[in-house]
Structure formats: structure tokens, C-alpha cells
Amino acid sequence: MTRIASHRGGLFLWPENSALAFRNTARLALEQAECDVHLTADGQVVVMHDATLDRTTDRRGPVAALTAAEFATVRVRGTEGEAPPTLAHYLAILAGTPVAPRIEIKASATGQPYPGIVPATLAVLDQAGERARSWIIGFHAGTMAEAQAAGGLAGVAWLLEVATLRDLGLTGLVATAQAYGFPEIGVQESAIDAELVAGLRSAGIGIGTWGANHAPSIRRMLALGVDIFATDDPPLAIALRAAR
């Protein structure tokens, strides 16, 4: 069965990457809740899509410029004054539910990986007792390789931009994924076709995607049998999967 993840907690319905979104996701009949993480100035792992606060909160500037205490004073637009969750808070919301964590490790505002973000993320997972059911995903192959080497996770998925997929081609993609030992790769919905799915399947590599947000693209991903897709409209995806 194709699994469903709520992308950023289901941003068509609730403020993205907010505690409100994850509370609502945790009540849905889906498998994973996808979030994005950055590091604060004092090395705490916090949930935010962008490397800056500007787009989704009442503050401006890089996430990494704030301490965890300062981050707690930020407010997410569209909520009733809620702060963005820390990774620990996000995990606490999902704890005891069938909805598993799917955590995308993001780059800093300079586009570079945060030093130490993988062990910091794993430490929070271990403190919550959630490593074994959590997926780590991200675009930086070296960061994903570090997570894969650490072990103990439900899985690691290397995400690719469409241009990277085009440059590598199927053969190069498979060779790279196998060299790093990635069990799954993820690409944007529009880049997935039956040939890509078949090629990855034959190599024993899983395939996930994002961008399946409307009925035609959701139905197409279900028909192709991708392993998982992250969607901005999880209730629609759940209904369409049930109808199959």
C-alpha cells in the first residue's frame, strides 16, 4: 500500500509546520507527518521550513540567529499565538499515535549543512524513544549518508531536485543511491513515471515524492504505486486511497 505523509503537517488546511497542524495530522488515518528542521544558535533542533523566520512568523531573520529561548518567543502566523514547535514538541504530539515522524533536515540560510545537526536530531529522537519509527530525509547526500551510517532509523530518503535527476539519469541515480546505501529516494511528483518506478524497484530502492496535492496527481501516484507521497491535502489523499 502506498503510504501518505502530511506535507509540513498539511499546509492546505493548517499553518505549515505548526503544532496545530501536527495535532490535526495526528488524528488522521495516514502513516507519517513530514516536518522540516533547523538548528538554533545554541544547537537546539527546531521545526521550520525556511532557514529564515520571515515568511511564516511574526519575526524576521535566520532561525540560526536565535537561541532556543528566543525561538520560543516567535509566533506562527495563522495560529492563536503559538510558537513554532521544537523537534521534541513535534515528537511529543505524535507519540502514542500511529502517525510516525518524517523529518527533513534542511540547510542553513547560506545553503550549507548545519554542523552537528544529524547527531543533534538523533539525540532528540533517542530521548523521545522515537528513532526506530522515524524517517530522516533531505537533499544533501552527505547529510543523509551520515544519518544512514548512524543506523537504528526506520529509513533514510535522499531527495533530489528535478535538475539533479535529469543530470544523473536512472543509471546514475541507482549507482549513487547504492553507493550510499540509501533505501529510498524522493523526487518531485512531476518527475515520476512508470520507467523510473520500475527501474528503482528492480534495483531494490524505494521511491517517495512530494507535490501530489490535487486529485489528478494523487491518483497518478497511487496508480504508479510509489512507496510514499507527502501531500498538502492529506484528507483528500486519504479519501482517494480508500476509494481504490
C-alpha atoms as a PDB file:
ATOM      1  CA  MET A   1       0.000   0.000   0.000  1.00  0.00           C
ATOM      2  CA  THR A   2       1.221   3.497  -0.819  1.00  0.00           C
ATOM      3  CA  ARG A   3       1.799   5.411   2.401  1.00  0.00           C
ATOM      4  CA  ILE A   4       0.665   9.004   2.901  1.00  0.00           C
ATOM      5  CA  ALA A   5       2.513  11.755   4.760  1.00  0.00           C
ATOM      6  CA  SER A   6       1.085  15.150   5.593  1.00  0.00           C
ATOM      7  CA  HIS A   7       3.478  17.640   3.981  1.00  0.00           C
ATOM      8  CA  ARG A   8       4.552  20.206   6.607  1.00  0.00           C
ATOM      9  CA  GLY A   9       1.538  18.999   8.579  1.00  0.00           C
ATOM     10  CA  GLY A  10      -0.951  19.611   5.736  1.00  0.00           C
ATOM     11  CA  LEU A  11      -0.367  23.194   4.659  1.00  0.00           C
ATOM     12  CA  PHE A  12      -3.530  23.498   2.550  1.00  0.00           C
ATOM     13  CA  LEU A  13      -5.502  23.181   5.772  1.00  0.00           C
ATOM     14  CA  TRP A  14      -3.389  24.487   8.648  1.00  0.00           C
ATOM     15  CA  PRO A  15      -0.390  26.783   9.160  1.00  0.00           C
ATOM     16  CA  GLU A  16       2.597  24.818   7.925  1.00  0.00           C
ATOM     17  CA  ASN A  17       4.957  23.149  10.395  1.00  0.00           C
ATOM     18  CA  SER A  18       2.848  24.375  13.303  1.00  0.00           C
ATOM     19  CA  ALA A  19       1.900  22.468  16.412  1.00  0.00           C
ATOM     20  CA  LEU A  20      -1.713  22.986  15.328  1.00  0.00           C
ATOM     21  CA  ALA A  21      -1.052  21.240  12.012  1.00  0.00           C
ATOM     22  CA  PHE A  22       0.645  18.288  13.669  1.00  0.00           C
ATOM     23  CA  ARG A  23      -2.095  17.905  16.271  1.00  0.00           C
ATOM     24  CA  ASN A  24      -4.662  17.689  13.486  1.00  0.00           C
ATOM     25  CA  THR A  25      -2.480  15.359  11.387  1.00  0.00           C
ATOM     26  CA  ALA A  26      -2.074  13.013  14.344  1.00  0.00           C
ATOM     27  CA  ARG A  27      -5.843  12.358  14.224  1.00  0.00           C
ATOM     28  CA  LEU A  28      -5.831  11.312  10.552  1.00  0.00           C
ATOM     29  CA  ALA A  29      -5.701   7.825   9.034  1.00  0.00           C
ATOM     30  CA  LEU A  30      -2.288   8.231   7.452  1.00  0.00           C
ATOM     31  CA  GLU A  31       1.190   6.916   8.134  1.00  0.00           C
ATOM     32  CA  GLN A  32       3.585   9.845   8.574  1.00  0.00           C
ATOM     33  CA  ALA A  33       3.757  13.567   9.380  1.00  0.00           C
ATOM     34  CA  GLU A  34       6.511  15.368   7.491  1.00  0.00           C
ATOM     35  CA  CYS A  35       8.327  18.303   9.087  1.00  0.00           C
ATOM     36  CA  ASP A  36      11.485  20.328   8.436  1.00  0.00           C
ATOM     37  CA  VAL A  37      14.215  21.094  10.967  1.00  0.00           C
ATOM     38  CA  HIS A  38      16.952  23.668  11.548  1.00  0.00           C
ATOM     39  CA  LEU A  39      19.370  24.408  14.391  1.00  0.00           C
ATOM     40  CA  THR A  40      19.178  27.392  16.720  1.00  0.00           C
ATOM     41  CA  ALA A  41      22.245  29.376  17.755  1.00  0.00           C
ATOM     42  CA  ASP A  42      22.648  27.131  20.800  1.00  0.00           C
ATOM     43  CA  GLY A  43      22.241  23.891  18.871  1.00  0.00           C
ATOM     44  CA  GLN A  44      18.600  23.020  19.569  1.00  0.00           C
ATOM     45  CA  VAL A  45      16.627  21.287  16.801  1.00  0.00           C
ATOM     46  CA  VAL A  46      13.509  23.250  15.846  1.00  0.00           C
ATOM     47  CA  VAL A  47      10.767  22.880  13.256  1.00  0.00           C
ATOM     48  CA  MET A  48      10.602  25.422  10.432  1.00  0.00           C
ATOM     49  CA  HIS A  49      10.626  25.029   6.662  1.00  0.00           C
ATOM     50  CA  ASP A  50      12.620  28.095   5.669  1.00  0.00           C
ATOM     51  CA  ALA A  51      16.028  28.966   7.061  1.00  0.00           C
ATOM     52  CA  THR A  52      14.554  32.362   7.932  1.00  0.00           C
ATOM     53  CA  LEU A  53      11.531  33.327  10.010  1.00  0.00           C
ATOM     54  CA  ASP A  54      10.204  35.933   7.567  1.00  0.00           C
ATOM     55  CA  ARG A  55       7.548  34.048   5.599  1.00  0.00           C
ATOM     56  CA  THR A  56       5.598  32.176   8.278  1.00  0.00           C
ATOM     57  CA  THR A  57       6.100  34.012  11.571  1.00  0.00           C
ATOM     58  CA  ASP A  58       5.910  37.442  13.204  1.00  0.00           C
ATOM     59  CA  ARG A  59       9.698  37.777  13.208  1.00  0.00           C
ATOM     60  CA  ARG A  60      12.442  38.218  10.617  1.00  0.00           C
ATOM     61  CA  GLY A  61      15.960  36.871  10.200  1.00  0.00           C
ATOM     62  CA  PRO A  62      17.653  33.464  10.250  1.00  0.00           C
ATOM     63  CA  VAL A  63      16.476  30.722  12.583  1.00  0.00           C
ATOM     64  CA  ALA A  64      20.144  30.127  13.430  1.00  0.00           C
ATOM     65  CA  ALA A  65      20.487  33.662  14.814  1.00  0.00           C
ATOM     66  CA  LEU A  66      18.159  32.877  17.747  1.00  0.00           C
ATOM     67  CA  THR A  67      18.734  30.811  20.855  1.00  0.00           C
ATOM     68  CA  ALA A  68      16.113  28.221  21.715  1.00  0.00           C
ATOM     69  CA  ALA A  69      14.717  30.572  24.360  1.00  0.00           C
ATOM     70  CA  GLU A  70      14.404  33.368  21.817  1.00  0.00           C
ATOM     71  CA  PHE A  71      12.857  30.992  19.281  1.00  0.00           C
ATOM     72  CA  ALA A  72      10.153  30.183  21.837  1.00  0.00           C
ATOM     73  CA  THR A  73       9.014  33.814  21.710  1.00  0.00           C
ATOM     74  CA  VAL A  74       8.341  33.652  17.948  1.00  0.00           C
ATOM     75  CA  ARG A  75       4.696  33.253  16.880  1.00  0.00           C
ATOM     76  CA  VAL A  76       3.432  31.339  13.847  1.00  0.00           C
ATOM     77  CA  ARG A  77       1.052  33.271  11.635  1.00  0.00           C
ATOM     78  CA  GLY A  78      -2.427  31.756  11.484  1.00  0.00           C
ATOM     79  CA  THR A  79      -2.290  30.209  14.935  1.00  0.00           C
ATOM     80  CA  GLU A  80      -3.619  31.637  18.156  1.00  0.00           C
ATOM     81  CA  GLY A  81      -0.212  32.846  19.229  1.00  0.00           C
ATOM     82  CA  GLU A  82       1.574  29.502  19.140  1.00  0.00           C
ATOM     83  CA  ALA A  83       5.346  29.281  18.934  1.00  0.00           C
ATOM     84  CA  PRO A  84       6.894  27.077  16.242  1.00  0.00           C
ATOM     85  CA  PRO A  85       7.461  23.624  17.715  1.00  0.00           C
ATOM     86  CA  THR A  86      10.806  22.246  18.681  1.00  0.00           C
ATOM     87  CA  LEU A  87      11.578  18.775  17.355  1.00  0.00           C
ATOM     88  CA  ALA A  88      10.897  17.436  20.845  1.00  0.00           C
ATOM     89  CA  HIS A  89       7.461  19.082  20.883  1.00  0.00           C
ATOM     90  CA  TYR A  90       6.626  17.682  17.425  1.00  0.00           C
ATOM     91  CA  LEU A  91       7.613  14.186  18.584  1.00  0.00           C
ATOM     92  CA  ALA A  92       5.510  14.550  21.728  1.00  0.00           C
ATOM     93  CA  ILE A  93       2.456  15.378  19.609  1.00  0.00           C
ATOM     94  CA  LEU A  94       2.922  12.212  17.538  1.00  0.00           C
ATOM     95  CA  ALA A  95       3.849   9.972  20.474  1.00  0.00           C
ATOM     96  CA  GLY A  96       1.297   7.262  21.147  1.00  0.00           C
ATOM     97  CA  THR A  97      -0.348   7.674  17.731  1.00  0.00           C
ATOM     98  CA  PRO A  98       0.076   5.520  14.592  1.00  0.00           C
ATOM     99  CA  VAL A  99       1.454   8.570  12.759  1.00  0.00           C
ATOM    100  CA  ALA A 100       5.241   8.296  12.506  1.00  0.00           C
ATOM    101  CA  PRO A 101       7.809  11.113  12.221  1.00  0.00           C
ATOM    102  CA  ARG A 102       9.260  12.023   8.811  1.00  0.00           C
ATOM    103  CA  ILE A 103      11.916  14.667   9.390  1.00  0.00           C
ATOM    104  CA  GLU A 104      13.557  16.652   6.616  1.00  0.00           C
ATOM    105  CA  ILE A 105      16.933  18.061   7.624  1.00  0.00           C
ATOM    106  CA  LYS A 106      17.297  21.450   5.963  1.00  0.00           C
ATOM    107  CA  ALA A 107      20.322  23.585   5.107  1.00  0.00           C
ATOM    108  CA  SER A 108      21.191  26.885   6.753  1.00  0.00           C
ATOM    109  CA  ALA A 109      20.467  30.330   5.305  1.00  0.00           C
ATOM    110  CA  THR A 110      23.815  30.125   3.489  1.00  0.00           C
ATOM    111  CA  GLY A 111      22.766  26.863   1.825  1.00  0.00           C
ATOM    112  CA  GLN A 112      25.310  24.838   3.814  1.00  0.00           C
ATOM    113  CA  PRO A 113      24.572  21.914   6.135  1.00  0.00           C
ATOM    114  CA  TYR A 114      24.382  22.752   9.830  1.00  0.00           C
ATOM    115  CA  PRO A 115      27.399  21.235  11.601  1.00  0.00           C
ATOM    116  CA  GLY A 116      26.186  18.643  14.082  1.00  0.00           C
ATOM    117  CA  ILE A 117      22.535  18.606  13.037  1.00  0.00           C
ATOM    118  CA  VAL A 118      22.421  14.836  12.465  1.00  0.00           C
ATOM    119  CA  PRO A 119      23.646  13.810  15.943  1.00  0.00           C
ATOM    120  CA  ALA A 120      21.530  16.567  17.492  1.00  0.00           C
ATOM    121  CA  THR A 121      18.426  15.259  15.698  1.00  0.00           C
ATOM    122  CA  LEU A 122      19.164  11.660  16.632  1.00  0.00           C
ATOM    123  CA  ALA A 123      19.695  12.646  20.263  1.00  0.00           C
ATOM    124  CA  VAL A 124      16.199  14.177  20.383  1.00  0.00           C
ATOM    125  CA  LEU A 125      14.751  11.070  18.735  1.00  0.00           C
ATOM    126  CA  ASP A 126      16.501   8.840  21.255  1.00  0.00           C
ATOM    127  CA  GLN A 127      15.330  10.915  24.211  1.00  0.00           C
ATOM    128  CA  ALA A 128      11.754  10.530  22.939  1.00  0.00           C
ATOM    129  CA  GLY A 129      12.226   6.844  22.140  1.00  0.00           C
ATOM    130  CA  GLU A 130      11.242   7.509  18.524  1.00  0.00           C
ATOM    131  CA  ARG A 131      14.365   6.669  16.471  1.00  0.00           C
ATOM    132  CA  ALA A 132      13.127   3.235  15.387  1.00  0.00           C
ATOM    133  CA  ARG A 133       9.958   4.549  13.754  1.00  0.00           C
ATOM    134  CA  SER A 134      11.355   7.785  12.323  1.00  0.00           C
ATOM    135  CA  TRP A 135      12.438   8.587   8.780  1.00  0.00           C
ATOM    136  CA  ILE A 136      15.171  11.132   8.073  1.00  0.00           C
ATOM    137  CA  ILE A 137      15.029  12.783   4.653  1.00  0.00           C
ATOM    138  CA  GLY A 138      16.919  15.555   2.904  1.00  0.00           C
ATOM    139  CA  PHE A 139      18.589  16.886  -0.226  1.00  0.00           C
ATOM    140  CA  HIS A 140      22.218  16.873   0.956  1.00  0.00           C
ATOM    141  CA  ALA A 141      23.653  13.438   0.168  1.00  0.00           C
ATOM    142  CA  GLY A 142      26.437  13.703   2.727  1.00  0.00           C
ATOM    143  CA  THR A 143      23.992  14.566   5.494  1.00  0.00           C
ATOM    144  CA  MET A 144      21.757  11.654   4.533  1.00  0.00           C
ATOM    145  CA  ALA A 145      24.775   9.347   4.422  1.00  0.00           C
ATOM    146  CA  GLU A 146      25.623  10.405   7.981  1.00  0.00           C
ATOM    147  CA  ALA A 147      22.079   9.572   9.103  1.00  0.00           C
ATOM    148  CA  GLN A 148      22.185   6.243   7.259  1.00  0.00           C
ATOM    149  CA  ALA A 149      25.511   5.307   8.849  1.00  0.00           C
ATOM    150  CA  ALA A 150      24.188   6.115  12.322  1.00  0.00           C
ATOM    151  CA  GLY A 151      21.616   3.343  11.973  1.00  0.00           C
ATOM    152  CA  GLY A 152      18.560   2.470  14.000  1.00  0.00           C
ATOM    153  CA  LEU A 153      16.097   4.546  11.960  1.00  0.00           C
ATOM    154  CA  ALA A 154      13.006   3.330  10.144  1.00  0.00           C
ATOM    155  CA  GLY A 155      14.662   4.674   6.997  1.00  0.00           C
ATOM    156  CA  VAL A 156      16.558   7.430   5.216  1.00  0.00           C
ATOM    157  CA  ALA A 157      15.462   9.030   1.952  1.00  0.00           C
ATOM    158  CA  TRP A 158      17.691  11.131  -0.288  1.00  0.00           C
ATOM    159  CA  LEU A 159      15.688  13.856  -2.037  1.00  0.00           C
ATOM    160  CA  LEU A 160      16.634  15.168  -5.478  1.00  0.00           C
ATOM    161  CA  GLU A 161      15.720  18.259  -7.423  1.00  0.00           C
ATOM    162  CA  VAL A 162      14.421  17.589 -10.942  1.00  0.00           C
ATOM    163  CA  ALA A 163      17.625  19.016 -12.444  1.00  0.00           C
ATOM    164  CA  THR A 164      19.760  16.603 -10.401  1.00  0.00           C
ATOM    165  CA  LEU A 165      17.642  13.661 -11.519  1.00  0.00           C
ATOM    166  CA  ARG A 166      17.977  14.810 -15.128  1.00  0.00           C
ATOM    167  CA  ASP A 167      21.752  15.083 -14.816  1.00  0.00           C
ATOM    168  CA  LEU A 168      22.191  11.687 -13.169  1.00  0.00           C
ATOM    169  CA  GLY A 169      19.668   9.725 -15.202  1.00  0.00           C
ATOM    170  CA  LEU A 170      18.274   6.459 -13.905  1.00  0.00           C
ATOM    171  CA  THR A 171      21.599   4.613 -14.068  1.00  0.00           C
ATOM    172  CA  GLY A 172      23.454   7.329 -12.191  1.00  0.00           C
ATOM    173  CA  LEU A 173      20.669   7.665  -9.647  1.00  0.00           C
ATOM    174  CA  VAL A 174      20.709   3.958  -8.855  1.00  0.00           C
ATOM    175  CA  ALA A 175      24.510   3.885  -8.649  1.00  0.00           C
ATOM    176  CA  THR A 176      24.608   6.860  -6.276  1.00  0.00           C
ATOM    177  CA  ALA A 177      21.821   5.534  -4.039  1.00  0.00           C
ATOM    178  CA  GLN A 178      23.501   2.122  -3.851  1.00  0.00           C
ATOM    179  CA  ALA A 179      26.910   3.633  -3.106  1.00  0.00           C
ATOM    180  CA  TYR A 180      25.491   5.478  -0.109  1.00  0.00           C
ATOM    181  CA  GLY A 181      23.151   2.656   0.886  1.00  0.00           C
ATOM    182  CA  PHE A 182      20.015   4.780   0.692  1.00  0.00           C
ATOM    183  CA  PRO A 183      16.875   2.618   0.929  1.00  0.00           C
ATOM    184  CA  GLU A 184      14.679   5.278  -0.682  1.00  0.00           C
ATOM    185  CA  ILE A 185      14.964   8.304  -2.937  1.00  0.00           C
ATOM    186  CA  GLY A 186      12.460  11.121  -3.293  1.00  0.00           C
ATOM    187  CA  VAL A 187      11.698  13.330  -6.285  1.00  0.00           C
ATOM    188  CA  GLN A 188       9.014  15.839  -7.171  1.00  0.00           C
ATOM    189  CA  GLU A 189       5.752  14.278  -8.352  1.00  0.00           C
ATOM    190  CA  SER A 190       6.008  15.652 -11.883  1.00  0.00           C
ATOM    191  CA  ALA A 191       9.327  13.823 -12.440  1.00  0.00           C
ATOM    192  CA  ILE A 192       7.959  10.360 -11.651  1.00  0.00           C
ATOM    193  CA  ASP A 193       6.878   7.973 -14.375  1.00  0.00           C
ATOM    194  CA  ALA A 194       6.484   4.217 -14.747  1.00  0.00           C
ATOM    195  CA  GLU A 195      10.038   3.802 -16.092  1.00  0.00           C
ATOM    196  CA  LEU A 196      11.574   5.476 -13.044  1.00  0.00           C
ATOM    197  CA  VAL A 197       9.446   3.447 -10.645  1.00  0.00           C
ATOM    198  CA  ALA A 198      10.287   0.179 -12.431  1.00  0.00           C
ATOM    199  CA  GLY A 199      13.992   0.985 -12.566  1.00  0.00           C
ATOM    200  CA  LEU A 200      14.202   1.756  -8.867  1.00  0.00           C
ATOM    201  CA  ARG A 201      12.082  -1.253  -7.967  1.00  0.00           C
ATOM    202  CA  SER A 202      14.401  -3.564  -9.924  1.00  0.00           C
ATOM    203  CA  ALA A 203      17.358  -2.125  -8.004  1.00  0.00           C
ATOM    204  CA  GLY A 204      15.616  -2.655  -4.670  1.00  0.00           C
ATOM    205  CA  ILE A 205      15.308   1.085  -3.977  1.00  0.00           C
ATOM    206  CA  GLY A 206      12.100   2.659  -2.695  1.00  0.00           C
ATOM    207  CA  ILE A 207      10.609   5.824  -4.158  1.00  0.00           C
ATOM    208  CA  GLY A 208       8.821   8.693  -2.455  1.00  0.00           C
ATOM    209  CA  THR A 209       7.572  12.034  -3.654  1.00  0.00           C
ATOM    210  CA  TRP A 210       6.062  15.378  -2.775  1.00  0.00           C
ATOM    211  CA  GLY A 211       3.785  17.680  -4.754  1.00  0.00           C
ATOM    212  CA  ALA A 212       0.836  15.296  -5.095  1.00  0.00           C
ATOM    213  CA  ASN A 213      -1.660  17.845  -3.809  1.00  0.00           C
ATOM    214  CA  HIS A 214      -4.704  17.555  -6.080  1.00  0.00           C
ATOM    215  CA  ALA A 215      -6.855  14.654  -7.225  1.00  0.00           C
ATOM    216  CA  PRO A 216      -5.136  14.009 -10.616  1.00  0.00           C
ATOM    217  CA  SER A 217      -1.607  13.874  -9.188  1.00  0.00           C
ATOM    218  CA  ILE A 218      -2.688  11.894  -6.130  1.00  0.00           C
ATOM    219  CA  ARG A 219      -4.450   9.331  -8.316  1.00  0.00           C
ATOM    220  CA  ARG A 220      -1.376   9.106 -10.549  1.00  0.00           C
ATOM    221  CA  MET A 221       0.941   8.394  -7.616  1.00  0.00           C
ATOM    222  CA  LEU A 222      -1.451   5.762  -6.304  1.00  0.00           C
ATOM    223  CA  ALA A 223      -1.653   4.141  -9.733  1.00  0.00           C
ATOM    224  CA  LEU A 224       2.141   4.103 -10.101  1.00  0.00           C
ATOM    225  CA  GLY A 225       2.455   2.558  -6.662  1.00  0.00           C
ATOM    226  CA  VAL A 226       5.076   4.864  -5.169  1.00  0.00           C
ATOM    227  CA  ASP A 227       6.074   3.893  -1.655  1.00  0.00           C
ATOM    228  CA  ILE A 228       5.030   7.192  -0.075  1.00  0.00           C
ATOM    229  CA  PHE A 229       3.904  10.659  -1.066  1.00  0.00           C
ATOM    230  CA  ALA A 230       3.783  13.812   1.011  1.00  0.00           C
ATOM    231  CA  THR A 231       0.691  15.876   0.319  1.00  0.00           C
ATOM    232  CA  ASP A 232      -0.566  19.317   1.284  1.00  0.00           C
ATOM    233  CA  ASP A 233      -4.142  17.941   1.392  1.00  0.00           C
ATOM    234  CA  PRO A 234      -3.985  14.765   3.471  1.00  0.00           C
ATOM    235  CA  PRO A 235      -7.761  14.250   3.887  1.00  0.00           C
ATOM    236  CA  LEU A 236      -8.179  14.246   0.094  1.00  0.00           C
ATOM    237  CA  ALA A 237      -5.328  11.763  -0.297  1.00  0.00           C
ATOM    238  CA  ILE A 238      -6.800   9.501   2.373  1.00  0.00           C
ATOM    239  CA  ALA A 239     -10.202   9.550   0.681  1.00  0.00           C
ATOM    240  CA  LEU A 240      -8.765   8.790  -2.767  1.00  0.00           C
ATOM    241  CA  ARG A 241      -6.644   5.942  -1.428  1.00  0.00           C
ATOM    242  CA  ALA A 242      -9.662   4.473   0.332  1.00  0.00           C
ATOM    243  CA  ALA A 243     -11.666   4.665  -2.873  1.00  0.00           C
ATOM    244  CA  ARG A 244      -9.192   2.462  -4.709  1.00  0.00           C
END
